Amino acid sequence: MSSTTLISLKPGEIGIIAALHAEEDLYHRLAALGFRTGKQVCLVRGARFAGPLQVRIGTTDVMLRRRDAQKIEIQRSF
């Protein structure tokens, strides 16, 4: 498995959260949404023109800004 950030996934790809490299406020917001180390995430789609990413974590879909997604380190599942 290789380590990368959530923003580098292509639609349909799955990864496991390895770490959250965010400031305290964002860290707590992401944790409240279910983004925790060891959780599986799937990139559903990315909006055009550098818009938000639709990410599925468990059974919940979340829209994330790309700059926030860059702070989520993942391990790719192949």
PDB file of N, CA and C in Angstrom:
ATOM      1  N   MET A   1       0.842  -1.186   0.000  1.00  0.00           N
ATOM      2  CA  MET A   1       0.000   0.000   0.000  1.00  0.00           C
ATOM      3  C   MET A   1       0.887   1.250   0.000  1.00  0.00           C
ATOM      4  N   SER A   2       0.447   2.253  -0.739  1.00  0.00           N
ATOM      5  CA  SER A   2       1.206   3.501  -0.789  1.00  0.00           C
ATOM      6  C   SER A   2       0.443   4.606  -0.065  1.00  0.00           C
ATOM      7  N   SER A   3       1.199   5.520   0.523  1.00  0.00           N
ATOM      8  CA  SER A   3       0.604   6.625   1.273  1.00  0.00           C
ATOM      9  C   SER A   3       0.467   7.848   0.373  1.00  0.00           C
ATOM     10  N   THR A   4      -0.683   8.491   0.450  1.00  0.00           N
ATOM     11  CA  THR A   4      -0.969   9.672  -0.354  1.00  0.00           C
ATOM     12  C   THR A   4      -2.047  10.477   0.368  1.00  0.00           C
ATOM     13  N   THR A   5      -2.609  11.480  -0.295  1.00  0.00           N
ATOM     14  CA  THR A   5      -3.705  12.233   0.313  1.00  0.00           C
ATOM     15  C   THR A   5      -5.017  11.888  -0.370  1.00  0.00           C
ATOM     16  N   LEU A   6      -6.096  12.203   0.283  1.00  0.00           N
ATOM     17  CA  LEU A   6      -7.432  11.886  -0.221  1.00  0.00           C
ATOM     18  C   LEU A   6      -7.700  12.515  -1.584  1.00  0.00           C
ATOM     19  N   ILE A   7      -7.132  13.683  -1.817  1.00  0.00           N
ATOM     20  CA  ILE A   7      -7.394  14.391  -3.070  1.00  0.00           C
ATOM     21  C   ILE A   7      -6.846  13.652  -4.291  1.00  0.00           C
ATOM     22  N   SER A   8      -5.888  12.758  -4.091  1.00  0.00           N
ATOM     23  CA  SER A   8      -5.270  12.073  -5.228  1.00  0.00           C
ATOM     24  C   SER A   8      -6.032  10.827  -5.683  1.00  0.00           C
ATOM     25  N   LEU A   9      -7.072  10.432  -4.943  1.00  0.00           N
ATOM     26  CA  LEU A   9      -7.877   9.286  -5.376  1.00  0.00           C
ATOM     27  C   LEU A   9      -8.683   9.635  -6.610  1.00  0.00           C
ATOM     28  N   LYS A  10      -8.950   8.630  -7.416  1.00  0.00           N
ATOM     29  CA  LYS A  10      -9.825   8.786  -8.576  1.00  0.00           C
ATOM     30  C   LYS A  10     -11.213   8.272  -8.172  1.00  0.00           C
ATOM     31  N   PRO A  11     -12.271   8.752  -8.834  1.00  0.00           N
ATOM     32  CA  PRO A  11     -13.614   8.278  -8.483  1.00  0.00           C
ATOM     33  C   PRO A  11     -13.706   6.753  -8.489  1.00  0.00           C
ATOM     34  N   GLY A  12     -14.271   6.210  -7.411  1.00  0.00           N
ATOM     35  CA  GLY A  12     -14.418   4.770  -7.263  1.00  0.00           C
ATOM     36  C   GLY A  12     -13.290   4.110  -6.481  1.00  0.00           C
ATOM     37  N   GLU A  13     -12.167   4.799  -6.302  1.00  0.00           N
ATOM     38  CA  GLU A  13     -11.049   4.228  -5.559  1.00  0.00           C
ATOM     39  C   GLU A  13     -11.312   4.298  -4.056  1.00  0.00           C
ATOM     40  N   ILE A  14     -10.734   3.338  -3.356  1.00  0.00           N
ATOM     41  CA  ILE A  14     -10.928   3.221  -1.912  1.00  0.00           C
ATOM     42  C   ILE A  14      -9.589   3.352  -1.209  1.00  0.00           C
ATOM     43  N   GLY A  15      -9.609   3.974  -0.040  1.00  0.00           N
ATOM     44  CA  GLY A  15      -8.410   4.102   0.783  1.00  0.00           C
ATOM     45  C   GLY A  15      -8.753   3.996   2.256  1.00  0.00           C
ATOM     46  N   ILE A  16      -7.719   3.797   3.057  1.00  0.00           N
ATOM     47  CA  ILE A  16      -7.857   3.727   4.509  1.00  0.00           C
ATOM     48  C   ILE A  16      -7.191   4.965   5.101  1.00  0.00           C
ATOM     49  N   ILE A  17      -7.866   5.663   5.994  1.00  0.00           N
ATOM     50  CA  ILE A  17      -7.307   6.875   6.589  1.00  0.00           C
ATOM     51  C   ILE A  17      -6.117   6.503   7.468  1.00  0.00           C
ATOM     52  N   ALA A  18      -4.965   7.120   7.173  1.00  0.00           N
ATOM     53  CA  ALA A  18      -3.744   6.872   7.938  1.00  0.00           C
ATOM     54  C   ALA A  18      -3.519   7.963   8.977  1.00  0.00           C
ATOM     55  N   ALA A  19      -3.867   9.224   8.630  1.00  0.00           N
ATOM     56  CA  ALA A  19      -3.652  10.335   9.551  1.00  0.00           C
ATOM     57  C   ALA A  19      -4.434  11.555   9.090  1.00  0.00           C
ATOM     58  N   LEU A  20      -4.736  12.434  10.032  1.00  0.00           N
ATOM     59  CA  LEU A  20      -5.359  13.726   9.741  1.00  0.00           C
ATOM     60  C   LEU A  20      -4.337  14.800  10.113  1.00  0.00           C
ATOM     61  N   HIS A  21      -3.880  15.557   9.129  1.00  0.00           N
ATOM     62  CA  HIS A  21      -2.885  16.614   9.348  1.00  0.00           C
ATOM     63  C   HIS A  21      -3.575  17.974   9.261  1.00  0.00           C
ATOM     64  N   ALA A  22      -4.486  18.227  10.168  1.00  0.00           N
ATOM     65  CA  ALA A  22      -5.294  19.447  10.117  1.00  0.00           C
ATOM     66  C   ALA A  22      -5.165  20.217  11.429  1.00  0.00           C
ATOM     67  N   GLU A  23      -5.454  21.524  11.339  1.00  0.00           N
ATOM     68  CA  GLU A  23      -5.477  22.329  12.553  1.00  0.00           C
ATOM     69  C   GLU A  23      -6.614  21.829  13.452  1.00  0.00           C
ATOM     70  N   GLU A  24      -6.596  22.226  14.700  1.00  0.00           N
ATOM     71  CA  GLU A  24      -7.490  21.649  15.701  1.00  0.00           C
ATOM     72  C   GLU A  24      -8.973  21.738  15.338  1.00  0.00           C
ATOM     73  N   ASP A  25      -9.434  22.893  14.875  1.00  0.00           N
ATOM     74  CA  ASP A  25     -10.862  23.052  14.541  1.00  0.00           C
ATOM     75  C   ASP A  25     -11.289  22.099  13.435  1.00  0.00           C
ATOM     76  N   LEU A  26     -10.502  22.048  12.364  1.00  0.00           N
ATOM     77  CA  LEU A  26     -10.818  21.160  11.247  1.00  0.00           C
ATOM     78  C   LEU A  26     -10.711  19.702  11.684  1.00  0.00           C
ATOM     79  N   TYR A  27      -9.710  19.387  12.484  1.00  0.00           N
ATOM     80  CA  TYR A  27      -9.538  18.018  12.983  1.00  0.00           C
ATOM     81  C   TYR A  27     -10.793  17.551  13.722  1.00  0.00           C
ATOM     82  N   HIS A  28     -11.323  18.378  14.608  1.00  0.00           N
ATOM     83  CA  HIS A  28     -12.520  18.010  15.365  1.00  0.00           C
ATOM     84  C   HIS A  28     -13.756  17.906  14.465  1.00  0.00           C
ATOM     85  N   ARG A  29     -13.856  18.789  13.473  1.00  0.00           N
ATOM     86  CA  ARG A  29     -14.992  18.730  12.545  1.00  0.00           C
ATOM     87  C   ARG A  29     -14.944  17.435  11.735  1.00  0.00           C
ATOM     88  N   LEU A  30     -13.765  17.090  11.225  1.00  0.00           N
ATOM     89  CA  LEU A  30     -13.621  15.851  10.454  1.00  0.00           C
ATOM     90  C   LEU A  30     -13.894  14.623  11.326  1.00  0.00           C
ATOM     91  N   ALA A  31     -13.391  14.643  12.549  1.00  0.00           N
ATOM     92  CA  ALA A  31     -13.630  13.519  13.458  1.00  0.00           C
ATOM     93  C   ALA A  31     -15.119  13.357  13.745  1.00  0.00           C
ATOM     94  N   ALA A  32     -15.843  14.460  13.895  1.00  0.00           N
ATOM     95  CA  ALA A  32     -17.284  14.408  14.142  1.00  0.00           C
ATOM     96  C   ALA A  32     -18.037  13.833  12.943  1.00  0.00           C
ATOM     97  N   LEU A  33     -17.493  14.001  11.748  1.00  0.00           N
ATOM     98  CA  LEU A  33     -18.112  13.459  10.538  1.00  0.00           C
ATOM     99  C   LEU A  33     -17.745  11.995  10.310  1.00  0.00           C
ATOM    100  N   GLY A  34     -16.835  11.458  11.131  1.00  0.00           N
ATOM    101  CA  GLY A  34     -16.467  10.051  11.008  1.00  0.00           C
ATOM    102  C   GLY A  34     -15.090   9.801  10.444  1.00  0.00           C
ATOM    103  N   PHE A  35     -14.339  10.836  10.128  1.00  0.00           N
ATOM    104  CA  PHE A  35     -12.991  10.679   9.578  1.00  0.00           C
ATOM    105  C   PHE A  35     -12.032  10.375  10.720  1.00  0.00           C
ATOM    106  N   ARG A  36     -11.722   9.082  10.883  1.00  0.00           N
ATOM    107  CA  ARG A  36     -10.824   8.648  11.943  1.00  0.00           C
ATOM    108  C   ARG A  36      -9.810   7.673  11.351  1.00  0.00           C
ATOM    109  N   THR A  37      -8.663   7.595  11.957  1.00  0.00           N
ATOM    110  CA  THR A  37      -7.618   6.674  11.512  1.00  0.00           C
ATOM    111  C   THR A  37      -8.159   5.253  11.458  1.00  0.00           C
ATOM    112  N   GLY A  38      -7.879   4.579  10.351  1.00  0.00           N
ATOM    113  CA  GLY A  38      -8.323   3.196  10.166  1.00  0.00           C
ATOM    114  C   GLY A  38      -9.642   3.043   9.439  1.00  0.00           C
ATOM    115  N   LYS A  39     -10.377   4.136   9.245  1.00  0.00           N
ATOM    116  CA  LYS A  39     -11.668   4.064   8.544  1.00  0.00           C
ATOM    117  C   LYS A  39     -11.452   4.015   7.027  1.00  0.00           C
ATOM    118  N   GLN A  40     -12.336   3.315   6.352  1.00  0.00           N
ATOM    119  CA  GLN A  40     -12.280   3.203   4.896  1.00  0.00           C
ATOM    120  C   GLN A  40     -13.063   4.346   4.261  1.00  0.00           C
ATOM    121  N   VAL A  41     -12.479   4.972   3.231  1.00  0.00           N
ATOM    122  CA  VAL A  41     -13.149   6.047   2.503  1.00  0.00           C
ATOM    123  C   VAL A  41     -13.138   5.726   1.011  1.00  0.00           C
ATOM    124  N   CYS A  42     -14.142   6.207   0.322  1.00  0.00           N
ATOM    125  CA  CYS A  42     -14.240   6.018  -1.125  1.00  0.00           C
ATOM    126  C   CYS A  42     -14.550   7.371  -1.754  1.00  0.00           C
ATOM    127  N   LEU A  43     -13.799   7.728  -2.779  1.00  0.00           N
ATOM    128  CA  LEU A  43     -14.095   8.959  -3.504  1.00  0.00           C
ATOM    129  C   LEU A  43     -15.213   8.660  -4.497  1.00  0.00           C
ATOM    130  N   VAL A  44     -16.350   9.304  -4.310  1.00  0.00           N
ATOM    131  CA  VAL A  44     -17.503   9.085  -5.180  1.00  0.00           C
ATOM    132  C   VAL A  44     -17.338   9.902  -6.453  1.00  0.00           C
ATOM    133  N   ARG A  45     -17.052  11.203  -6.289  1.00  0.00           N
ATOM    134  CA  ARG A  45     -16.844  12.060  -7.459  1.00  0.00           C
ATOM    135  C   ARG A  45     -16.197  13.367  -7.032  1.00  0.00           C
ATOM    136  N   GLY A  46     -15.615  14.028  -7.999  1.00  0.00           N
ATOM    137  CA  GLY A  46     -15.045  15.350  -7.784  1.00  0.00           C
ATOM    138  C   GLY A  46     -15.755  16.340  -8.687  1.00  0.00           C
ATOM    139  N   ALA A  47     -16.163  17.465  -8.134  1.00  0.00           N
ATOM    140  CA  ALA A  47     -16.854  18.482  -8.927  1.00  0.00           C
ATOM    141  C   ALA A  47     -15.870  19.148  -9.886  1.00  0.00           C
ATOM    142  N   ARG A  48     -16.385  19.668 -10.962  1.00  0.00           N
ATOM    143  CA  ARG A  48     -15.545  20.343 -11.949  1.00  0.00           C
ATOM    144  C   ARG A  48     -15.023  21.662 -11.415  1.00  0.00           C
ATOM    145  N   PHE A  49     -14.027  22.169 -12.103  1.00  0.00           N
ATOM    146  CA  PHE A  49     -13.473  23.493 -11.817  1.00  0.00           C
ATOM    147  C   PHE A  49     -12.990  23.616 -10.370  1.00  0.00           C
ATOM    148  N   ALA A  50     -12.283  22.589  -9.899  1.00  0.00           N
ATOM    149  CA  ALA A  50     -11.707  22.580  -8.545  1.00  0.00           C
ATOM    150  C   ALA A  50     -12.765  22.719  -7.458  1.00  0.00           C
ATOM    151  N   GLY A  51     -13.942  22.176  -7.707  1.00  0.00           N
ATOM    152  CA  GLY A  51     -15.013  22.189  -6.714  1.00  0.00           C
ATOM    153  C   GLY A  51     -14.808  21.116  -5.663  1.00  0.00           C
ATOM    154  N   PRO A  52     -15.773  20.904  -4.800  1.00  0.00           N
ATOM    155  CA  PRO A  52     -15.629  19.952  -3.695  1.00  0.00           C
ATOM    156  C   PRO A  52     -15.619  18.498  -4.153  1.00  0.00           C
ATOM    157  N   LEU A  53     -15.187  17.627  -3.249  1.00  0.00           N
ATOM    158  CA  LEU A  53     -15.162  16.189  -3.487  1.00  0.00           C
ATOM    159  C   LEU A  53     -16.292  15.536  -2.706  1.00  0.00           C
ATOM    160  N   GLN A  54     -16.952  14.583  -3.323  1.00  0.00           N
ATOM    161  CA  GLN A  54     -17.962  13.789  -2.618  1.00  0.00           C
ATOM    162  C   GLN A  54     -17.277  12.509  -2.159  1.00  0.00           C
ATOM    163  N   VAL A  55     -17.220  12.311  -0.841  1.00  0.00           N
ATOM    164  CA  VAL A  55     -16.514  11.188  -0.237  1.00  0.00           C
ATOM    165  C   VAL A  55     -17.507  10.357   0.555  1.00  0.00           C
ATOM    166  N   ARG A  56     -17.412   9.036   0.431  1.00  0.00           N
ATOM    167  CA  ARG A  56     -18.266   8.135   1.203  1.00  0.00           C
ATOM    168  C   ARG A  56     -17.423   7.503   2.304  1.00  0.00           C
ATOM    169  N   ILE A  57     -17.880   7.660   3.525  1.00  0.00           N
ATOM    170  CA  ILE A  57     -17.223   7.043   4.677  1.00  0.00           C
ATOM    171  C   ILE A  57     -18.296   6.251   5.406  1.00  0.00           C
ATOM    172  N   GLY A  58     -18.166   4.947   5.368  1.00  0.00           N
ATOM    173  CA  GLY A  58     -19.228   4.076   5.879  1.00  0.00           C
ATOM    174  C   GLY A  58     -20.436   4.196   4.969  1.00  0.00           C
ATOM    175  N   THR A  59     -21.572   4.588   5.532  1.00  0.00           N
ATOM    176  CA  THR A  59     -22.789   4.769   4.732  1.00  0.00           C
ATOM    177  C   THR A  59     -23.128   6.247   4.548  1.00  0.00           C
ATOM    178  N   THR A  60     -22.200   7.120   4.924  1.00  0.00           N
ATOM    179  CA  THR A  60     -22.441   8.560   4.867  1.00  0.00           C
ATOM    180  C   THR A  60     -21.651   9.202   3.744  1.00  0.00           C
ATOM    181  N   ASP A  61     -22.313  10.051   2.962  1.00  0.00           N
ATOM    182  CA  ASP A  61     -21.637  10.831   1.934  1.00  0.00           C
ATOM    183  C   ASP A  61     -21.390  12.239   2.474  1.00  0.00           C
ATOM    184  N   VAL A  62     -20.163  12.719   2.271  1.00  0.00           N
ATOM    185  CA  VAL A  62     -19.742  14.028   2.765  1.00  0.00           C
ATOM    186  C   VAL A  62     -19.124  14.799   1.609  1.00  0.00           C
ATOM    187  N   MET A  63     -19.425  16.086   1.517  1.00  0.00           N
ATOM    188  CA  MET A  63     -18.784  16.962   0.539  1.00  0.00           C
ATOM    189  C   MET A  63     -17.644  17.682   1.255  1.00  0.00           C
ATOM    190  N   LEU A  64     -16.431  17.564   0.707  1.00  0.00           N
ATOM    191  CA  LEU A  64     -15.243  18.174   1.312  1.00  0.00           C
ATOM    192  C   LEU A  64     -14.589  19.153   0.349  1.00  0.00           C
ATOM    193  N   ARG A  65     -14.123  20.262   0.888  1.00  0.00           N
ATOM    194  CA  ARG A  65     -13.312  21.170   0.081  1.00  0.00           C
ATOM    195  C   ARG A  65     -12.003  20.463  -0.251  1.00  0.00           C
ATOM    196  N   ARG A  66     -11.452  20.757  -1.407  1.00  0.00           N
ATOM    197  CA  ARG A  66     -10.204  20.122  -1.817  1.00  0.00           C
ATOM    198  C   ARG A  66      -9.061  20.454  -0.859  1.00  0.00           C
ATOM    199  N   ARG A  67      -9.022  21.663  -0.338  1.00  0.00           N
ATOM    200  CA  ARG A  67      -7.932  22.018   0.581  1.00  0.00           C
ATOM    201  C   ARG A  67      -8.030  21.244   1.888  1.00  0.00           C
ATOM    202  N   ASP A  68      -9.248  20.858   2.292  1.00  0.00           N
ATOM    203  CA  ASP A  68      -9.405  20.025   3.483  1.00  0.00           C
ATOM    204  C   ASP A  68      -9.036  18.572   3.177  1.00  0.00           C
ATOM    205  N   ALA A  69      -9.380  18.101   1.984  1.00  0.00           N
ATOM    206  CA  ALA A  69      -9.060  16.730   1.584  1.00  0.00           C
ATOM    207  C   ALA A  69      -7.552  16.519   1.478  1.00  0.00           C
ATOM    208  N   GLN A  70      -6.803  17.571   1.175  1.00  0.00           N
ATOM    209  CA  GLN A  70      -5.346  17.459   1.083  1.00  0.00           C
ATOM    210  C   GLN A  70      -4.720  17.183   2.447  1.00  0.00           C
ATOM    211  N   LYS A  71      -5.430  17.419   3.504  1.00  0.00           N
ATOM    212  CA  LYS A  71      -4.904  17.232   4.859  1.00  0.00           C
ATOM    213  C   LYS A  71      -5.215  15.849   5.424  1.00  0.00           C
ATOM    214  N   ILE A  72      -5.878  15.012   4.609  1.00  0.00           N
ATOM    215  CA  ILE A  72      -6.217  13.657   5.046  1.00  0.00           C
ATOM    216  C   ILE A  72      -5.291  12.681   4.327  1.00  0.00           C
ATOM    217  N   GLU A  73      -4.393  12.063   5.095  1.00  0.00           N
ATOM    218  CA  GLU A  73      -3.456  11.088   4.531  1.00  0.00           C
ATOM    219  C   GLU A  73      -4.129   9.725   4.506  1.00  0.00           C
ATOM    220  N   ILE A  74      -3.992   9.039   3.379  1.00  0.00           N
ATOM    221  CA  ILE A  74      -4.620   7.725   3.237  1.00  0.00           C
ATOM    222  C   ILE A  74      -3.609   6.705   2.721  1.00  0.00           C
ATOM    223  N   GLN A  75      -3.947   5.449   2.943  1.00  0.00           N
ATOM    224  CA  GLN A  75      -3.236   4.323   2.349  1.00  0.00           C
ATOM    225  C   GLN A  75      -4.162   3.766   1.276  1.00  0.00           C
ATOM    226  N   ARG A  76      -3.681   3.685   0.050  1.00  0.00           N
ATOM    227  CA  ARG A  76      -4.522   3.160  -1.031  1.00  0.00           C
ATOM    228  C   ARG A  76      -4.746   1.664  -0.868  1.00  0.00           C
ATOM    229  N   SER A  77      -5.936   1.224  -1.191  1.00  0.00           N
ATOM    230  CA  SER A  77      -6.274  -0.205  -1.215  1.00  0.00           C
ATOM    231  C   SER A  77      -6.304  -0.628  -2.666  1.00  0.00           C
ATOM    232  N   PHE A  78      -5.502  -1.611  -3.011  1.00  0.00           N
ATOM    233  CA  PHE A  78      -5.467  -2.065  -4.407  1.00  0.00           C
ATOM    234  C   PHE A  78      -6.171  -3.378  -4.561  1.00  0.00           C
TER     235      PHE A  78
END
